[in-house]
Amino acid sequence: MTVTGIITAIVIGVIIGALGRLVVPGKQNIPIWLTIVIGIVAALIGTAIAGALGVASTSGIDWIELLIQIGLAAVGVILTVSLYGRRHVR
């Protein structure tokens, strides 16, 4: 993996994580670095799922792959908020 690949993964992680947080209603009390990690993991897993379904490479924008990634990020945010919120009660 090159430096460009790492930077691209972080940028995609930020975007997918932010979109995942937007999909989930209410306020999420998790740090931004955790949102980025959720986004990166969701992007990687979503790409693998889209590849297995045969929808990863289409002409134009891969909307199905993007929706899978955002859905996984939303699930990741929900799970993280429920687990992170229990540990950090204020």
Protein backbone atom coordinates (compact mmCIF):
# COMPACT_ATOMS: atom_id res chain seq x y z
CA MET A 1 0.00 0.00 0.00
CA THR A 2 1.34 3.40 -0.95
CA VAL A 3 1.07 6.71 0.86
CA THR A 4 -1.55 7.79 -1.66
CA GLY A 5 -3.58 4.67 -0.90
CA ILE A 6 -3.46 5.38 2.84
CA ILE A 7 -4.50 9.01 2.35
CA THR A 8 -7.31 7.93 0.02
CA ALA A 9 -8.53 5.37 2.59
CA ILE A 10 -8.61 8.08 5.28
CA VAL A 11 -10.50 10.52 3.04
CA ILE A 12 -13.02 7.85 2.01
CA GLY A 13 -13.32 6.82 5.67
CA VAL A 14 -14.12 10.39 6.69
CA ILE A 15 -16.79 10.70 3.99
CA ILE A 16 -18.40 7.29 4.59
CA GLY A 17 -18.24 7.75 8.39
CA ALA A 18 -19.81 11.20 8.18
CA LEU A 19 -22.58 9.93 5.91
CA GLY A 20 -23.15 7.02 8.30
CA ARG A 21 -23.52 9.48 11.18
CA LEU A 22 -25.95 11.59 9.16
CA VAL A 23 -28.18 8.57 8.53
CA VAL A 24 -28.43 7.75 12.25
CA PRO A 25 -30.96 10.00 14.02
CA GLY A 26 -30.07 11.86 17.19
CA LYS A 27 -26.76 12.98 18.60
CA GLN A 28 -23.82 10.61 18.62
CA ASN A 29 -21.29 11.24 21.36
CA ILE A 30 -18.31 9.54 19.75
CA PRO A 31 -15.00 11.15 18.78
CA ILE A 32 -14.17 12.00 15.18
CA TRP A 33 -11.30 9.51 15.06
CA LEU A 34 -13.76 6.72 15.85
CA THR A 35 -16.04 7.94 13.06
CA ILE A 36 -13.10 7.77 10.65
CA VAL A 37 -12.23 4.23 11.76
CA ILE A 38 -15.87 3.16 11.36
CA GLY A 39 -15.91 4.73 7.89
CA ILE A 40 -12.71 3.01 6.77
CA VAL A 41 -13.88 -0.39 8.03
CA ALA A 42 -17.33 0.10 6.46
CA ALA A 43 -15.75 1.12 3.14
CA LEU A 44 -13.50 -1.95 3.08
CA ILE A 45 -16.24 -4.40 4.07
CA GLY A 46 -18.76 -2.71 1.74
CA THR A 47 -16.37 -3.00 -1.20
CA ALA A 48 -15.86 -6.70 -0.44
CA ILE A 49 -19.62 -7.30 -0.25
CA ALA A 50 -20.22 -5.36 -3.47
CA GLY A 51 -17.49 -7.39 -5.17
CA ALA A 52 -19.09 -10.64 -3.99
CA LEU A 53 -22.46 -9.48 -5.34
CA GLY A 54 -20.89 -8.43 -8.63
CA VAL A 55 -21.84 -4.73 -8.35
CA ALA A 56 -18.44 -3.27 -7.44
CA SER A 57 -17.47 -2.29 -10.98
CA THR A 58 -20.15 -0.56 -12.98
CA SER A 59 -19.99 2.23 -15.50
CA GLY A 60 -20.20 5.56 -13.73
CA ILE A 61 -20.68 5.92 -10.01
CA ASP A 62 -21.09 2.70 -8.06
CA TRP A 63 -24.28 3.69 -6.24
CA ILE A 64 -25.06 0.24 -4.89
CA GLU A 65 -21.57 -0.11 -3.44
CA LEU A 66 -21.85 3.36 -1.89
CA LEU A 67 -25.23 2.54 -0.32
CA ILE A 68 -23.82 -0.70 1.12
CA GLN A 69 -20.88 1.21 2.62
CA ILE A 70 -23.11 3.92 4.13
CA GLY A 71 -25.47 1.29 5.55
CA LEU A 72 -22.57 -0.54 7.16
CA ALA A 73 -21.22 2.75 8.55
CA ALA A 74 -24.64 3.56 10.02
CA VAL A 75 -24.78 0.15 11.70
CA GLY A 76 -21.22 0.68 12.95
CA VAL A 77 -22.14 4.10 14.37
CA ILE A 78 -25.21 2.67 16.13
CA LEU A 79 -23.20 -0.17 17.67
CA THR A 80 -20.34 2.13 18.65
CA VAL A 81 -22.64 4.72 20.24
CA SER A 82 -24.36 2.04 22.29
CA LEU A 83 -21.06 0.54 23.46
CA TYR A 84 -19.10 3.79 23.79
CA GLY A 85 -21.95 5.52 25.61
CA ARG A 86 -22.06 2.84 28.30
CA ARG A 87 -18.37 3.17 29.08
CA HIS A 88 -18.27 6.97 29.14
CA VAL A 89 -21.26 8.00 31.24
CA ARG A 90 -21.00 11.62 32.32
